[in-house]
Amino acid sequence: MMFGFGRAKKQNGRSTAFDPTRQRAALRCSICTGEQVAGFQDIRTGQFEEVMLIRGEADLQRFKSEYGVREIVKIY
């Protein structure tokens, strides 16, 4: 499964816009490789929008602080 890193659009210095009323923060995780991608999942449709590759705890903390995220769900 390929995640297509680097496709996120730039808006006001951020990769994407986050709307907590219609999206939730999520980590899409590969069961086979352990690869993780942080992004936002539309609550209504389930569509996932990739934001950044997570290589370690530092990347995860950067994602959380940049978007003001406290909780992240995992999607497999």
PDB file of N, CA and C in Angstrom:
ATOM      1  N   MET A   1       0.846  -1.165   0.000  1.00  0.00           N
ATOM      2  CA  MET A   1       0.000   0.000   0.000  1.00  0.00           C
ATOM      3  C   MET A   1       0.892   1.228   0.000  1.00  0.00           C
ATOM      4  N   MET A   2       0.681   2.106  -0.942  1.00  0.00           N
ATOM      5  CA  MET A   2       1.469   3.331  -1.024  1.00  0.00           C
ATOM      6  C   MET A   2       0.638   4.484  -0.499  1.00  0.00           C
ATOM      7  N   PHE A   3       1.276   5.372   0.259  1.00  0.00           N
ATOM      8  CA  PHE A   3       0.569   6.480   0.866  1.00  0.00           C
ATOM      9  C   PHE A   3       0.721   7.787   0.099  1.00  0.00           C
ATOM     10  N   GLY A   4       1.634   7.909  -0.840  1.00  0.00           N
ATOM     11  CA  GLY A   4       1.784   9.123  -1.620  1.00  0.00           C
ATOM     12  C   GLY A   4       2.244  10.314  -0.818  1.00  0.00           C
ATOM     13  N   PHE A   5       3.371  10.210  -0.168  1.00  0.00           N
ATOM     14  CA  PHE A   5       3.876  11.284   0.669  1.00  0.00           C
ATOM     15  C   PHE A   5       4.162  12.516  -0.166  1.00  0.00           C
ATOM     16  N   GLY A   6       3.992  13.675   0.441  1.00  0.00           N
ATOM     17  CA  GLY A   6       4.333  14.914  -0.230  1.00  0.00           C
ATOM     18  C   GLY A   6       3.225  15.500  -1.083  1.00  0.00           C
ATOM     19  N   ARG A   7       2.024  14.955  -1.030  1.00  0.00           N
ATOM     20  CA  ARG A   7       0.934  15.473  -1.839  1.00  0.00           C
ATOM     21  C   ARG A   7       0.113  16.527  -1.125  1.00  0.00           C
ATOM     22  N   ALA A   8       0.422  16.807   0.103  1.00  0.00           N
ATOM     23  CA  ALA A   8      -0.368  17.774   0.869  1.00  0.00           C
ATOM     24  C   ALA A   8      -0.209  19.172   0.293  1.00  0.00           C
ATOM     25  N   LYS A   9      -1.287  19.946   0.326  1.00  0.00           N
ATOM     26  CA  LYS A   9      -1.284  21.303  -0.205  1.00  0.00           C
ATOM     27  C   LYS A   9      -0.883  22.290   0.879  1.00  0.00           C
ATOM     28  N   LYS A  10      -0.203  23.362   0.491  1.00  0.00           N
ATOM     29  CA  LYS A  10       0.211  24.398   1.437  1.00  0.00           C
ATOM     30  C   LYS A  10      -0.876  25.459   1.538  1.00  0.00           C
ATOM     31  N   GLN A  11      -1.252  25.804   2.782  1.00  0.00           N
ATOM     32  CA  GLN A  11      -2.222  26.865   3.035  1.00  0.00           C
ATOM     33  C   GLN A  11      -1.760  27.645   4.255  1.00  0.00           C
ATOM     34  N   ASN A  12      -1.382  28.893   4.067  1.00  0.00           N
ATOM     35  CA  ASN A  12      -0.962  29.758   5.172  1.00  0.00           C
ATOM     36  C   ASN A  12       0.178  29.162   5.994  1.00  0.00           C
ATOM     37  N   GLY A  13       1.158  28.552   5.336  1.00  0.00           N
ATOM     38  CA  GLY A  13       2.298  27.992   6.045  1.00  0.00           C
ATOM     39  C   GLY A  13       2.062  26.595   6.594  1.00  0.00           C
ATOM     40  N   ARG A  14       0.829  26.163   6.670  1.00  0.00           N
ATOM     41  CA  ARG A  14       0.495  24.815   7.110  1.00  0.00           C
ATOM     42  C   ARG A  14       0.320  23.928   5.895  1.00  0.00           C
ATOM     43  N   SER A  15       0.461  22.643   6.090  1.00  0.00           N
ATOM     44  CA  SER A  15       0.273  21.696   5.002  1.00  0.00           C
ATOM     45  C   SER A  15      -1.190  21.632   4.573  1.00  0.00           C
ATOM     46  N   THR A  16      -2.094  21.535   5.521  1.00  0.00           N
ATOM     47  CA  THR A  16      -3.523  21.481   5.233  1.00  0.00           C
ATOM     48  C   THR A  16      -4.280  22.195   6.338  1.00  0.00           C
ATOM     49  N   ALA A  17      -5.536  22.469   6.091  1.00  0.00           N
ATOM     50  CA  ALA A  17      -6.387  23.077   7.107  1.00  0.00           C
ATOM     51  C   ALA A  17      -7.078  21.976   7.899  1.00  0.00           C
ATOM     52  N   PHE A  18      -7.196  22.142   9.207  1.00  0.00           N
ATOM     53  CA  PHE A  18      -7.834  21.165  10.073  1.00  0.00           C
ATOM     54  C   PHE A  18      -9.097  21.767  10.654  1.00  0.00           C
ATOM     55  N   ASP A  19     -10.230  21.110  10.423  1.00  0.00           N
ATOM     56  CA  ASP A  19     -11.516  21.558  10.955  1.00  0.00           C
ATOM     57  C   ASP A  19     -12.033  20.487  11.912  1.00  0.00           C
ATOM     58  N   PRO A  20     -11.846  20.672  13.226  1.00  0.00           N
ATOM     59  CA  PRO A  20     -12.253  19.644  14.187  1.00  0.00           C
ATOM     60  C   PRO A  20     -13.758  19.368  14.224  1.00  0.00           C
ATOM     61  N   THR A  21     -14.567  20.243  13.626  1.00  0.00           N
ATOM     62  CA  THR A  21     -16.007  19.979  13.594  1.00  0.00           C
ATOM     63  C   THR A  21     -16.365  18.933  12.552  1.00  0.00           C
ATOM     64  N   ARG A  22     -15.484  18.737  11.561  1.00  0.00           N
ATOM     65  CA  ARG A  22     -15.778  17.733  10.529  1.00  0.00           C
ATOM     66  C   ARG A  22     -14.657  16.715  10.317  1.00  0.00           C
ATOM     67  N   GLN A  23     -13.550  16.871  11.015  1.00  0.00           N
ATOM     68  CA  GLN A  23     -12.424  15.957  10.861  1.00  0.00           C
ATOM     69  C   GLN A  23     -11.903  15.517  12.221  1.00  0.00           C
ATOM     70  N   ARG A  24     -11.212  14.377  12.216  1.00  0.00           N
ATOM     71  CA  ARG A  24     -10.495  13.943  13.411  1.00  0.00           C
ATOM     72  C   ARG A  24      -9.077  13.602  13.011  1.00  0.00           C
ATOM     73  N   ALA A  25      -8.150  13.854  13.920  1.00  0.00           N
ATOM     74  CA  ALA A  25      -6.750  13.539  13.673  1.00  0.00           C
ATOM     75  C   ALA A  25      -6.584  12.026  13.709  1.00  0.00           C
ATOM     76  N   ALA A  26      -5.778  11.497  12.785  1.00  0.00           N
ATOM     77  CA  ALA A  26      -5.608  10.051  12.713  1.00  0.00           C
ATOM     78  C   ALA A  26      -4.204   9.699  12.237  1.00  0.00           C
ATOM     79  N   LEU A  27      -3.753   8.523  12.650  1.00  0.00           N
ATOM     80  CA  LEU A  27      -2.515   7.920  12.151  1.00  0.00           C
ATOM     81  C   LEU A  27      -2.915   6.724  11.313  1.00  0.00           C
ATOM     82  N   ARG A  28      -2.576   6.751  10.044  1.00  0.00           N
ATOM     83  CA  ARG A  28      -2.833   5.582   9.201  1.00  0.00           C
ATOM     84  C   ARG A  28      -1.590   4.717   9.275  1.00  0.00           C
ATOM     85  N   CYS A  29      -1.752   3.496   9.764  1.00  0.00           N
ATOM     86  CA  CYS A  29      -0.630   2.603  10.039  1.00  0.00           C
ATOM     87  C   CYS A  29      -0.678   1.386   9.126  1.00  0.00           C
ATOM     88  N   SER A  30       0.465   1.021   8.599  1.00  0.00           N
ATOM     89  CA  SER A  30       0.582  -0.187   7.795  1.00  0.00           C
ATOM     90  C   SER A  30       0.864  -1.359   8.722  1.00  0.00           C
ATOM     91  N   ILE A  31       0.069  -2.389   8.634  1.00  0.00           N
ATOM     92  CA  ILE A  31       0.279  -3.587   9.446  1.00  0.00           C
ATOM     93  C   ILE A  31       1.554  -4.295   9.003  1.00  0.00           C
ATOM     94  N   CYS A  32       1.831  -4.294   7.709  1.00  0.00           N
ATOM     95  CA  CYS A  32       2.984  -5.024   7.167  1.00  0.00           C
ATOM     96  C   CYS A  32       4.319  -4.355   7.483  1.00  0.00           C
ATOM     97  N   THR A  33       4.409  -3.056   7.255  1.00  0.00           N
ATOM     98  CA  THR A  33       5.699  -2.368   7.371  1.00  0.00           C
ATOM     99  C   THR A  33       5.848  -1.535   8.635  1.00  0.00           C
ATOM    100  N   GLY A  34       4.751  -1.234   9.297  1.00  0.00           N
ATOM    101  CA  GLY A  34       4.804  -0.379  10.476  1.00  0.00           C
ATOM    102  C   GLY A  34       4.848   1.099  10.141  1.00  0.00           C
ATOM    103  N   GLU A  35       4.801   1.434   8.865  1.00  0.00           N
ATOM    104  CA  GLU A  35       4.842   2.825   8.413  1.00  0.00           C
ATOM    105  C   GLU A  35       3.608   3.569   8.923  1.00  0.00           C
ATOM    106  N   GLN A  36       3.809   4.827   9.351  1.00  0.00           N
ATOM    107  CA  GLN A  36       2.711   5.639   9.877  1.00  0.00           C
ATOM    108  C   GLN A  36       2.655   6.982   9.160  1.00  0.00           C
ATOM    109  N   VAL A  37       1.433   7.401   8.831  1.00  0.00           N
ATOM    110  CA  VAL A  37       1.200   8.696   8.207  1.00  0.00           C
ATOM    111  C   VAL A  37       0.152   9.424   9.033  1.00  0.00           C
ATOM    112  N   ALA A  38       0.453  10.640   9.450  1.00  0.00           N
ATOM    113  CA  ALA A  38      -0.498  11.457  10.205  1.00  0.00           C
ATOM    114  C   ALA A  38      -1.334  12.261   9.226  1.00  0.00           C
ATOM    115  N   GLY A  39      -2.576  12.452   9.597  1.00  0.00           N
ATOM    116  CA  GLY A  39      -3.462  13.237   8.760  1.00  0.00           C
ATOM    117  C   GLY A  39      -4.805  13.411   9.421  1.00  0.00           C
ATOM    118  N   PHE A  40      -5.802  13.702   8.594  1.00  0.00           N
ATOM    119  CA  PHE A  40      -7.135  13.968   9.099  1.00  0.00           C
ATOM    120  C   PHE A  40      -8.154  13.124   8.361  1.00  0.00           C
ATOM    121  N   GLN A  41      -9.074  12.536   9.126  1.00  0.00           N
ATOM    122  CA  GLN A  41     -10.123  11.704   8.554  1.00  0.00           C
ATOM    123  C   GLN A  41     -11.447  12.441   8.666  1.00  0.00           C
ATOM    124  N   ASP A  42     -12.161  12.514   7.560  1.00  0.00           N
ATOM    125  CA  ASP A  42     -13.481  13.135   7.549  1.00  0.00           C
ATOM    126  C   ASP A  42     -14.416  12.262   8.373  1.00  0.00           C
ATOM    127  N   ILE A  43     -15.083  12.839   9.350  1.00  0.00           N
ATOM    128  CA  ILE A  43     -15.947  12.090  10.249  1.00  0.00           C
ATOM    129  C   ILE A  43     -17.127  11.478   9.506  1.00  0.00           C
ATOM    130  N   ARG A  44     -17.657  12.202   8.535  1.00  0.00           N
ATOM    131  CA  ARG A  44     -18.852  11.750   7.815  1.00  0.00           C
ATOM    132  C   ARG A  44     -18.545  10.700   6.756  1.00  0.00           C
ATOM    133  N   THR A  45     -17.504  10.937   5.947  1.00  0.00           N
ATOM    134  CA  THR A  45     -17.228  10.047   4.820  1.00  0.00           C
ATOM    135  C   THR A  45     -16.143   9.012   5.098  1.00  0.00           C
ATOM    136  N   GLY A  46     -15.285   9.274   6.088  1.00  0.00           N
ATOM    137  CA  GLY A  46     -14.176   8.363   6.372  1.00  0.00           C
ATOM    138  C   GLY A  46     -12.958   8.598   5.497  1.00  0.00           C
ATOM    139  N   GLN A  47     -13.027   9.571   4.579  1.00  0.00           N
ATOM    140  CA  GLN A  47     -11.899   9.862   3.693  1.00  0.00           C
ATOM    141  C   GLN A  47     -10.726  10.402   4.505  1.00  0.00           C
ATOM    142  N   PHE A  48      -9.521   9.892   4.201  1.00  0.00           N
ATOM    143  CA  PHE A  48      -8.318  10.271   4.925  1.00  0.00           C
ATOM    144  C   PHE A  48      -7.486  11.220   4.085  1.00  0.00           C
ATOM    145  N   GLU A  49      -7.048  12.323   4.689  1.00  0.00           N
ATOM    146  CA  GLU A  49      -6.179  13.296   4.024  1.00  0.00           C
ATOM    147  C   GLU A  49      -4.798  13.241   4.672  1.00  0.00           C
ATOM    148  N   GLU A  50      -3.799  12.835   3.909  1.00  0.00           N
ATOM    149  CA  GLU A  50      -2.431  12.706   4.417  1.00  0.00           C
ATOM    150  C   GLU A  50      -1.807  14.065   4.654  1.00  0.00           C
ATOM    151  N   VAL A  51      -1.050  14.178   5.758  1.00  0.00           N
ATOM    152  CA  VAL A  51      -0.368  15.425   6.065  1.00  0.00           C
ATOM    153  C   VAL A  51       1.141  15.206   6.139  1.00  0.00           C
ATOM    154  N   MET A  52       1.575  14.225   6.932  1.00  0.00           N
ATOM    155  CA  MET A  52       3.020  14.022   7.057  1.00  0.00           C
ATOM    156  C   MET A  52       3.359  12.594   7.473  1.00  0.00           C
ATOM    157  N   LEU A  53       4.538  12.165   7.067  1.00  0.00           N
ATOM    158  CA  LEU A  53       5.091  10.878   7.455  1.00  0.00           C
ATOM    159  C   LEU A  53       5.585  10.974   8.892  1.00  0.00           C
ATOM    160  N   ILE A  54       5.271   9.970   9.705  1.00  0.00           N
ATOM    161  CA  ILE A  54       5.713   9.937  11.096  1.00  0.00           C
ATOM    162  C   ILE A  54       6.820   8.890  11.210  1.00  0.00           C
ATOM    163  N   ARG A  55       8.031   9.351  11.464  1.00  0.00           N
ATOM    164  CA  ARG A  55       9.180   8.445  11.576  1.00  0.00           C
ATOM    165  C   ARG A  55       9.544   8.151  13.021  1.00  0.00           C
ATOM    166  N   GLY A  56       9.003   8.948  13.934  1.00  0.00           N
ATOM    167  CA  GLY A  56       9.321   8.758  15.343  1.00  0.00           C
ATOM    168  C   GLY A  56       8.492   9.687  16.207  1.00  0.00           C
ATOM    169  N   GLU A  57       8.766   9.641  17.490  1.00  0.00           N
ATOM    170  CA  GLU A  57       8.014  10.441  18.459  1.00  0.00           C
ATOM    171  C   GLU A  57       8.147  11.947  18.194  1.00  0.00           C
ATOM    172  N   ALA A  58       9.311  12.390  17.739  1.00  0.00           N
ATOM    173  CA  ALA A  58       9.513  13.818  17.460  1.00  0.00           C
ATOM    174  C   ALA A  58       8.584  14.298  16.341  1.00  0.00           C
ATOM    175  N   ASP A  59       8.426  13.486  15.288  1.00  0.00           N
ATOM    176  CA  ASP A  59       7.515  13.847  14.195  1.00  0.00           C
ATOM    177  C   ASP A  59       6.071  13.906  14.689  1.00  0.00           C
ATOM    178  N   LEU A  60       5.698  12.951  15.533  1.00  0.00           N
ATOM    179  CA  LEU A  60       4.336  12.927  16.066  1.00  0.00           C
ATOM    180  C   LEU A  60       4.068  14.161  16.922  1.00  0.00           C
ATOM    181  N   GLN A  61       5.029  14.537  17.757  1.00  0.00           N
ATOM    182  CA  GLN A  61       4.869  15.729  18.593  1.00  0.00           C
ATOM    183  C   GLN A  61       4.794  16.995  17.743  1.00  0.00           C
ATOM    184  N   ARG A  62       5.579  17.063  16.673  1.00  0.00           N
ATOM    185  CA  ARG A  62       5.534  18.215  15.773  1.00  0.00           C
ATOM    186  C   ARG A  62       4.159  18.341  15.114  1.00  0.00           C
ATOM    187  N   PHE A  63       3.611  17.211  14.668  1.00  0.00           N
ATOM    188  CA  PHE A  63       2.277  17.198  14.058  1.00  0.00           C
ATOM    189  C   PHE A  63       1.231  17.699  15.060  1.00  0.00           C
ATOM    190  N   LYS A  64       1.291  17.171  16.284  1.00  0.00           N
ATOM    191  CA  LYS A  64       0.328  17.562  17.323  1.00  0.00           C
ATOM    192  C   LYS A  64       0.417  19.049  17.636  1.00  0.00           C
ATOM    193  N   SER A  65       1.624  19.562  17.789  1.00  0.00           N
ATOM    194  CA  SER A  65       1.763  20.975  18.145  1.00  0.00           C
ATOM    195  C   SER A  65       1.406  21.898  16.977  1.00  0.00           C
ATOM    196  N   GLU A  66       1.735  21.512  15.772  1.00  0.00           N
ATOM    197  CA  GLU A  66       1.443  22.347  14.604  1.00  0.00           C
ATOM    198  C   GLU A  66      -0.057  22.510  14.377  1.00  0.00           C
ATOM    199  N   TYR A  67      -0.826  21.447  14.647  1.00  0.00           N
ATOM    200  CA  TYR A  67      -2.263  21.485  14.397  1.00  0.00           C
ATOM    201  C   TYR A  67      -3.101  21.583  15.668  1.00  0.00           C
ATOM    202  N   GLY A  68      -2.472  21.651  16.836  1.00  0.00           N
ATOM    203  CA  GLY A  68      -3.211  21.764  18.080  1.00  0.00           C
ATOM    204  C   GLY A  68      -4.014  20.513  18.410  1.00  0.00           C
ATOM    205  N   VAL A  69      -3.448  19.361  18.084  1.00  0.00           N
ATOM    206  CA  VAL A  69      -4.124  18.074  18.267  1.00  0.00           C
ATOM    207  C   VAL A  69      -3.733  17.477  19.616  1.00  0.00           C
ATOM    208  N   ARG A  70      -4.719  16.951  20.329  1.00  0.00           N
ATOM    209  CA  ARG A  70      -4.444  16.275  21.601  1.00  0.00           C
ATOM    210  C   ARG A  70      -4.583  14.765  21.470  1.00  0.00           C
ATOM    211  N   GLU A  71      -5.617  14.313  20.761  1.00  0.00           N
ATOM    212  CA  GLU A  71      -5.875  12.881  20.599  1.00  0.00           C
ATOM    213  C   GLU A  71      -5.779  12.487  19.140  1.00  0.00           C
ATOM    214  N   ILE A  72      -5.203  11.308  18.913  1.00  0.00           N
ATOM    215  CA  ILE A  72      -5.076  10.778  17.554  1.00  0.00           C
ATOM    216  C   ILE A  72      -5.531   9.327  17.575  1.00  0.00           C
ATOM    217  N   VAL A  73      -6.412   8.975  16.643  1.00  0.00           N
ATOM    218  CA  VAL A  73      -6.852   7.589  16.511  1.00  0.00           C
ATOM    219  C   VAL A  73      -5.955   6.895  15.495  1.00  0.00           C
ATOM    220  N   LYS A  74      -5.835   5.575  15.611  1.00  0.00           N
ATOM    221  CA  LYS A  74      -5.064   4.800  14.643  1.00  0.00           C
ATOM    222  C   LYS A  74      -6.010   4.089  13.688  1.00  0.00           C
ATOM    223  N   ILE A  75      -5.653   4.144  12.407  1.00  0.00           N
ATOM    224  CA  ILE A  75      -6.415   3.471  11.351  1.00  0.00           C
ATOM    225  C   ILE A  75      -5.477   2.443  10.739  1.00  0.00           C
ATOM    226  N   TYR A  76      -5.940   1.195  10.620  1.00  0.00           N
ATOM    227  CA  TYR A  76      -5.113   0.137  10.025  1.00  0.00           C
ATOM    228  C   TYR A  76      -5.638  -0.247   8.669  1.00  0.00           C
TER     229      TYR A  76
END
